Amino acid sequence: MIASVNGTEITAADVEQEVKSIVMQYQQQVPQDQINAMMPNIQKQAIESVINRQLLMDEANRKE
């Protein structure tokens, strides 16, 4: 588990899937060596993205 959001676990697999998605987007515009250098920032961005997505889903479910 990487994090917990309102009782929902954010797993390494969740984050890795988001990392792959971000890397795929960058591969169209950025050389691979630069992507490799950016990997710590990409991983941080992926964690934040997964957490924010879960927060939004929790909020949407709360309003139903």
PDB file of N, CA and C in Angstrom:
ATOM      1  N   MET A   1       0.854  -1.181   0.000  1.00  0.00           N
ATOM      2  CA  MET A   1       0.000   0.000   0.000  1.00  0.00           C
ATOM      3  C   MET A   1       0.896   1.239   0.000  1.00  0.00           C
ATOM      4  N   ILE A   2       0.591   2.161  -0.892  1.00  0.00           N
ATOM      5  CA  ILE A   2       1.320   3.422  -1.004  1.00  0.00           C
ATOM      6  C   ILE A   2       0.683   4.486  -0.117  1.00  0.00           C
ATOM      7  N   ALA A   3      -0.649   4.508  -0.125  1.00  0.00           N
ATOM      8  CA  ALA A   3      -1.387   5.507   0.639  1.00  0.00           C
ATOM      9  C   ALA A   3      -2.792   4.967   0.903  1.00  0.00           C
ATOM     10  N   SER A   4      -3.511   5.683   1.755  1.00  0.00           N
ATOM     11  CA  SER A   4      -4.903   5.362   2.026  1.00  0.00           C
ATOM     12  C   SER A   4      -5.705   6.653   1.897  1.00  0.00           C
ATOM     13  N   VAL A   5      -6.797   6.566   1.142  1.00  0.00           N
ATOM     14  CA  VAL A   5      -7.653   7.729   0.930  1.00  0.00           C
ATOM     15  C   VAL A   5      -9.052   7.373   1.411  1.00  0.00           C
ATOM     16  N   ASN A   6      -9.458   7.982   2.495  1.00  0.00           N
ATOM     17  CA  ASN A   6     -10.784   7.722   3.069  1.00  0.00           C
ATOM     18  C   ASN A   6     -11.045   6.226   3.225  1.00  0.00           C
ATOM     19  N   GLY A   7     -10.011   5.486   3.640  1.00  0.00           N
ATOM     20  CA  GLY A   7     -10.146   4.053   3.856  1.00  0.00           C
ATOM     21  C   GLY A   7      -9.892   3.192   2.636  1.00  0.00           C
ATOM     22  N   THR A   8      -9.714   3.793   1.476  1.00  0.00           N
ATOM     23  CA  THR A   8      -9.417   3.049   0.254  1.00  0.00           C
ATOM     24  C   THR A   8      -7.906   3.009   0.066  1.00  0.00           C
ATOM     25  N   GLU A   9      -7.364   1.799  -0.102  1.00  0.00           N
ATOM     26  CA  GLU A   9      -5.928   1.652  -0.284  1.00  0.00           C
ATOM     27  C   GLU A   9      -5.507   2.022  -1.699  1.00  0.00           C
ATOM     28  N   ILE A  10      -4.434   2.781  -1.787  1.00  0.00           N
ATOM     29  CA  ILE A  10      -3.779   3.071  -3.066  1.00  0.00           C
ATOM     30  C   ILE A  10      -2.574   2.144  -3.122  1.00  0.00           C
ATOM     31  N   THR A  11      -2.564   1.232  -4.077  1.00  0.00           N
ATOM     32  CA  THR A  11      -1.518   0.219  -4.147  1.00  0.00           C
ATOM     33  C   THR A  11      -0.417   0.624  -5.116  1.00  0.00           C
ATOM     34  N   ALA A  12       0.694  -0.092  -5.005  1.00  0.00           N
ATOM     35  CA  ALA A  12       1.799   0.122  -5.928  1.00  0.00           C
ATOM     36  C   ALA A  12       1.344  -0.154  -7.365  1.00  0.00           C
ATOM     37  N   ALA A  13       0.463  -1.126  -7.533  1.00  0.00           N
ATOM     38  CA  ALA A  13      -0.042  -1.446  -8.879  1.00  0.00           C
ATOM     39  C   ALA A  13      -0.854  -0.284  -9.451  1.00  0.00           C
ATOM     40  N   ASP A  14      -1.646   0.377  -8.604  1.00  0.00           N
ATOM     41  CA  ASP A  14      -2.416   1.547  -9.046  1.00  0.00           C
ATOM     42  C   ASP A  14      -1.468   2.640  -9.546  1.00  0.00           C
ATOM     43  N   VAL A  15      -0.422   2.878  -8.761  1.00  0.00           N
ATOM     44  CA  VAL A  15       0.534   3.927  -9.108  1.00  0.00           C
ATOM     45  C   VAL A  15       1.320   3.537 -10.356  1.00  0.00           C
ATOM     46  N   GLU A  16       1.725   2.281 -10.458  1.00  0.00           N
ATOM     47  CA  GLU A  16       2.499   1.829 -11.623  1.00  0.00           C
ATOM     48  C   GLU A  16       1.682   1.972 -12.905  1.00  0.00           C
ATOM     49  N   GLN A  17       0.397   1.677 -12.827  1.00  0.00           N
ATOM     50  CA  GLN A  17      -0.468   1.835 -14.002  1.00  0.00           C
ATOM     51  C   GLN A  17      -0.508   3.307 -14.428  1.00  0.00           C
ATOM     52  N   GLU A  18      -0.586   4.206 -13.467  1.00  0.00           N
ATOM     53  CA  GLU A  18      -0.603   5.641 -13.777  1.00  0.00           C
ATOM     54  C   GLU A  18       0.742   6.096 -14.320  1.00  0.00           C
ATOM     55  N   VAL A  19       1.845   5.566 -13.769  1.00  0.00           N
ATOM     56  CA  VAL A  19       3.183   5.887 -14.279  1.00  0.00           C
ATOM     57  C   VAL A  19       3.275   5.494 -15.748  1.00  0.00           C
ATOM     58  N   LYS A  20       2.813   4.295 -16.080  1.00  0.00           N
ATOM     59  CA  LYS A  20       2.860   3.830 -17.476  1.00  0.00           C
ATOM     60  C   LYS A  20       2.057   4.760 -18.380  1.00  0.00           C
ATOM     61  N   SER A  21       0.910   5.201 -17.916  1.00  0.00           N
ATOM     62  CA  SER A  21       0.078   6.106 -18.700  1.00  0.00           C
ATOM     63  C   SER A  21       0.794   7.437 -18.952  1.00  0.00           C
ATOM     64  N   ILE A  22       1.409   7.974 -17.905  1.00  0.00           N
ATOM     65  CA  ILE A  22       2.123   9.248 -18.035  1.00  0.00           C
ATOM     66  C   ILE A  22       3.312   9.083 -18.978  1.00  0.00           C
ATOM     67  N   VAL A  23       4.064   8.000 -18.806  1.00  0.00           N
ATOM     68  CA  VAL A  23       5.234   7.760 -19.656  1.00  0.00           C
ATOM     69  C   VAL A  23       4.816   7.631 -21.117  1.00  0.00           C
ATOM     70  N   MET A  24       3.712   6.947 -21.367  1.00  0.00           N
ATOM     71  CA  MET A  24       3.238   6.810 -22.749  1.00  0.00           C
ATOM     72  C   MET A  24       2.949   8.178 -23.365  1.00  0.00           C
ATOM     73  N   GLN A  25       2.380   9.081 -22.577  1.00  0.00           N
ATOM     74  CA  GLN A  25       2.101  10.425 -23.078  1.00  0.00           C
ATOM     75  C   GLN A  25       3.402  11.169 -23.385  1.00  0.00           C
ATOM     76  N   TYR A  26       4.374  11.047 -22.493  1.00  0.00           N
ATOM     77  CA  TYR A  26       5.651  11.733 -22.690  1.00  0.00           C
ATOM     78  C   TYR A  26       6.446  11.155 -23.859  1.00  0.00           C
ATOM     79  N   GLN A  27       6.329   9.859 -24.107  1.00  0.00           N
ATOM     80  CA  GLN A  27       7.122   9.220 -25.150  1.00  0.00           C
ATOM     81  C   GLN A  27       6.853   9.816 -26.528  1.00  0.00           C
ATOM     82  N   GLN A  28       5.717  10.405 -26.705  1.00  0.00           N
ATOM     83  CA  GLN A  28       5.394  11.021 -27.985  1.00  0.00           C
ATOM     84  C   GLN A  28       6.107  12.350 -28.174  1.00  0.00           C
ATOM     85  N   GLN A  29       6.642  12.924 -27.072  1.00  0.00           N
ATOM     86  CA  GLN A  29       7.204  14.267 -27.155  1.00  0.00           C
ATOM     87  C   GLN A  29       8.618  14.395 -26.595  1.00  0.00           C
ATOM     88  N   VAL A  30       9.047  13.441 -25.753  1.00  0.00           N
ATOM     89  CA  VAL A  30      10.287  13.599 -25.001  1.00  0.00           C
ATOM     90  C   VAL A  30      11.188  12.391 -25.245  1.00  0.00           C
ATOM     91  N   PRO A  31      12.488  12.605 -25.453  1.00  0.00           N
ATOM     92  CA  PRO A  31      13.423  11.477 -25.608  1.00  0.00           C
ATOM     93  C   PRO A  31      13.464  10.593 -24.351  1.00  0.00           C
ATOM     94  N   GLN A  32      13.721   9.309 -24.556  1.00  0.00           N
ATOM     95  CA  GLN A  32      13.682   8.343 -23.458  1.00  0.00           C
ATOM     96  C   GLN A  32      14.653   8.698 -22.336  1.00  0.00           C
ATOM     97  N   ASP A  33      15.832   9.206 -22.658  1.00  0.00           N
ATOM     98  CA  ASP A  33      16.791   9.534 -21.605  1.00  0.00           C
ATOM     99  C   ASP A  33      16.265  10.644 -20.701  1.00  0.00           C
ATOM    100  N   GLN A  34      15.518  11.571 -21.262  1.00  0.00           N
ATOM    101  CA  GLN A  34      14.915  12.621 -20.453  1.00  0.00           C
ATOM    102  C   GLN A  34      13.779  12.065 -19.595  1.00  0.00           C
ATOM    103  N   ILE A  35      13.029  11.136 -20.156  1.00  0.00           N
ATOM    104  CA  ILE A  35      11.964  10.489 -19.384  1.00  0.00           C
ATOM    105  C   ILE A  35      12.572   9.764 -18.188  1.00  0.00           C
ATOM    106  N   ASN A  36      13.670   9.055 -18.422  1.00  0.00           N
ATOM    107  CA  ASN A  36      14.334   8.340 -17.326  1.00  0.00           C
ATOM    108  C   ASN A  36      14.771   9.310 -16.238  1.00  0.00           C
ATOM    109  N   ALA A  37      15.294  10.459 -16.633  1.00  0.00           N
ATOM    110  CA  ALA A  37      15.727  11.465 -15.667  1.00  0.00           C
ATOM    111  C   ALA A  37      14.542  12.058 -14.911  1.00  0.00           C
ATOM    112  N   MET A  38      13.385  12.083 -15.548  1.00  0.00           N
ATOM    113  CA  MET A  38      12.183  12.654 -14.944  1.00  0.00           C
ATOM    114  C   MET A  38      11.416  11.657 -14.082  1.00  0.00           C
ATOM    115  N   MET A  39      11.852  10.412 -14.043  1.00  0.00           N
ATOM    116  CA  MET A  39      11.076   9.350 -13.398  1.00  0.00           C
ATOM    117  C   MET A  39      10.705   9.652 -11.945  1.00  0.00           C
ATOM    118  N   PRO A  40      11.580  10.205 -11.102  1.00  0.00           N
ATOM    119  CA  PRO A  40      11.118  10.522  -9.741  1.00  0.00           C
ATOM    120  C   PRO A  40       9.932  11.490  -9.733  1.00  0.00           C
ATOM    121  N   ASN A  41       9.969  12.483 -10.613  1.00  0.00           N
ATOM    122  CA  ASN A  41       8.851  13.428 -10.703  1.00  0.00           C
ATOM    123  C   ASN A  41       7.607  12.767 -11.288  1.00  0.00           C
ATOM    124  N   ILE A  42       7.800  11.870 -12.241  1.00  0.00           N
ATOM    125  CA  ILE A  42       6.669  11.154 -12.834  1.00  0.00           C
ATOM    126  C   ILE A  42       5.997  10.286 -11.772  1.00  0.00           C
ATOM    127  N   GLN A  43       6.787   9.626 -10.940  1.00  0.00           N
ATOM    128  CA  GLN A  43       6.215   8.784  -9.892  1.00  0.00           C
ATOM    129  C   GLN A  43       5.437   9.626  -8.881  1.00  0.00           C
ATOM    130  N   LYS A  44       5.973  10.773  -8.522  1.00  0.00           N
ATOM    131  CA  LYS A  44       5.259  11.672  -7.611  1.00  0.00           C
ATOM    132  C   LYS A  44       3.950  12.142  -8.246  1.00  0.00           C
ATOM    133  N   GLN A  45       4.025  12.510  -9.526  1.00  0.00           N
ATOM    134  CA  GLN A  45       2.830  12.953 -10.245  1.00  0.00           C
ATOM    135  C   GLN A  45       1.794  11.830 -10.292  1.00  0.00           C
ATOM    136  N   ALA A  46       2.245  10.600 -10.500  1.00  0.00           N
ATOM    137  CA  ALA A  46       1.329   9.458 -10.575  1.00  0.00           C
ATOM    138  C   ALA A  46       0.630   9.235  -9.244  1.00  0.00           C
ATOM    139  N   ILE A  47       1.382   9.306  -8.145  1.00  0.00           N
ATOM    140  CA  ILE A  47       0.780   9.131  -6.821  1.00  0.00           C
ATOM    141  C   ILE A  47      -0.278  10.207  -6.582  1.00  0.00           C
ATOM    142  N   GLU A  48       0.069  11.437  -6.871  1.00  0.00           N
ATOM    143  CA  GLU A  48      -0.874  12.534  -6.673  1.00  0.00           C
ATOM    144  C   GLU A  48      -2.118  12.362  -7.545  1.00  0.00           C
ATOM    145  N   SER A  49      -1.920  11.906  -8.767  1.00  0.00           N
ATOM    146  CA  SER A  49      -3.039  11.712  -9.685  1.00  0.00           C
ATOM    147  C   SER A  49      -3.994  10.625  -9.180  1.00  0.00           C
ATOM    148  N   VAL A  50      -3.444   9.508  -8.720  1.00  0.00           N
ATOM    149  CA  VAL A  50      -4.276   8.411  -8.222  1.00  0.00           C
ATOM    150  C   VAL A  50      -5.031   8.857  -6.968  1.00  0.00           C
ATOM    151  N   ILE A  51      -4.356   9.566  -6.080  1.00  0.00           N
ATOM    152  CA  ILE A  51      -5.013  10.062  -4.860  1.00  0.00           C
ATOM    153  C   ILE A  51      -6.127  11.042  -5.221  1.00  0.00           C
ATOM    154  N   ASN A  52      -5.837  11.988  -6.102  1.00  0.00           N
ATOM    155  CA  ASN A  52      -6.860  12.966  -6.500  1.00  0.00           C
ATOM    156  C   ASN A  52      -8.050  12.294  -7.168  1.00  0.00           C
ATOM    157  N   ARG A  53      -7.799  11.295  -8.001  1.00  0.00           N
ATOM    158  CA  ARG A  53      -8.889  10.574  -8.661  1.00  0.00           C
ATOM    159  C   ARG A  53      -9.773   9.889  -7.613  1.00  0.00           C
ATOM    160  N   GLN A  54      -9.146   9.290  -6.604  1.00  0.00           N
ATOM    161  CA  GLN A  54      -9.918   8.619  -5.563  1.00  0.00           C
ATOM    162  C   GLN A  54     -10.730   9.626  -4.757  1.00  0.00           C
ATOM    163  N   LEU A  55     -10.138  10.772  -4.450  1.00  0.00           N
ATOM    164  CA  LEU A  55     -10.871  11.811  -3.731  1.00  0.00           C
ATOM    165  C   LEU A  55     -12.089  12.276  -4.523  1.00  0.00           C
ATOM    166  N   LEU A  56     -11.919  12.454  -5.823  1.00  0.00           N
ATOM    167  CA  LEU A  56     -13.036  12.867  -6.673  1.00  0.00           C
ATOM    168  C   LEU A  56     -14.124  11.798  -6.719  1.00  0.00           C
ATOM    169  N   MET A  57     -13.713  10.540  -6.811  1.00  0.00           N
ATOM    170  CA  MET A  57     -14.695   9.451  -6.828  1.00  0.00           C
ATOM    171  C   MET A  57     -15.446   9.386  -5.496  1.00  0.00           C
ATOM    172  N   ASP A  58     -14.718   9.557  -4.393  1.00  0.00           N
ATOM    173  CA  ASP A  58     -15.371   9.547  -3.080  1.00  0.00           C
ATOM    174  C   ASP A  58     -16.380  10.684  -2.971  1.00  0.00           C
ATOM    175  N   GLU A  59     -15.998  11.848  -3.442  1.00  0.00           N
ATOM    176  CA  GLU A  59     -16.904  13.005  -3.389  1.00  0.00           C
ATOM    177  C   GLU A  59     -18.128  12.790  -4.265  1.00  0.00           C
ATOM    178  N   ALA A  60     -17.926  12.233  -5.456  1.00  0.00           N
ATOM    179  CA  ALA A  60     -19.053  11.973  -6.347  1.00  0.00           C
ATOM    180  C   ALA A  60     -19.999  10.945  -5.730  1.00  0.00           C
ATOM    181  N   ASN A  61     -19.445   9.912  -5.110  1.00  0.00           N
ATOM    182  CA  ASN A  61     -20.293   8.880  -4.477  1.00  0.00           C
ATOM    183  C   ASN A  61     -21.030   9.439  -3.275  1.00  0.00           C
ATOM    184  N   ARG A  62     -20.413  10.379  -2.581  1.00  0.00           N
ATOM    185  CA  ARG A  62     -21.031  10.974  -1.396  1.00  0.00           C
ATOM    186  C   ARG A  62     -22.253  11.805  -1.798  1.00  0.00           C
ATOM    187  N   LYS A  63     -22.213  12.423  -2.977  1.00  0.00           N
ATOM    188  CA  LYS A  63     -23.304  13.289  -3.420  1.00  0.00           C
ATOM    189  C   LYS A  63     -24.467  12.514  -4.028  1.00  0.00           C
ATOM    190  N   GLU A  64     -24.275  11.237  -4.287  1.00  0.00           N
ATOM    191  CA  GLU A  64     -25.362  10.445  -4.910  1.00  0.00           C
ATOM    192  C   GLU A  64     -26.461  10.153  -3.931  1.00  0.00           C
TER     193      GLU A  64
END
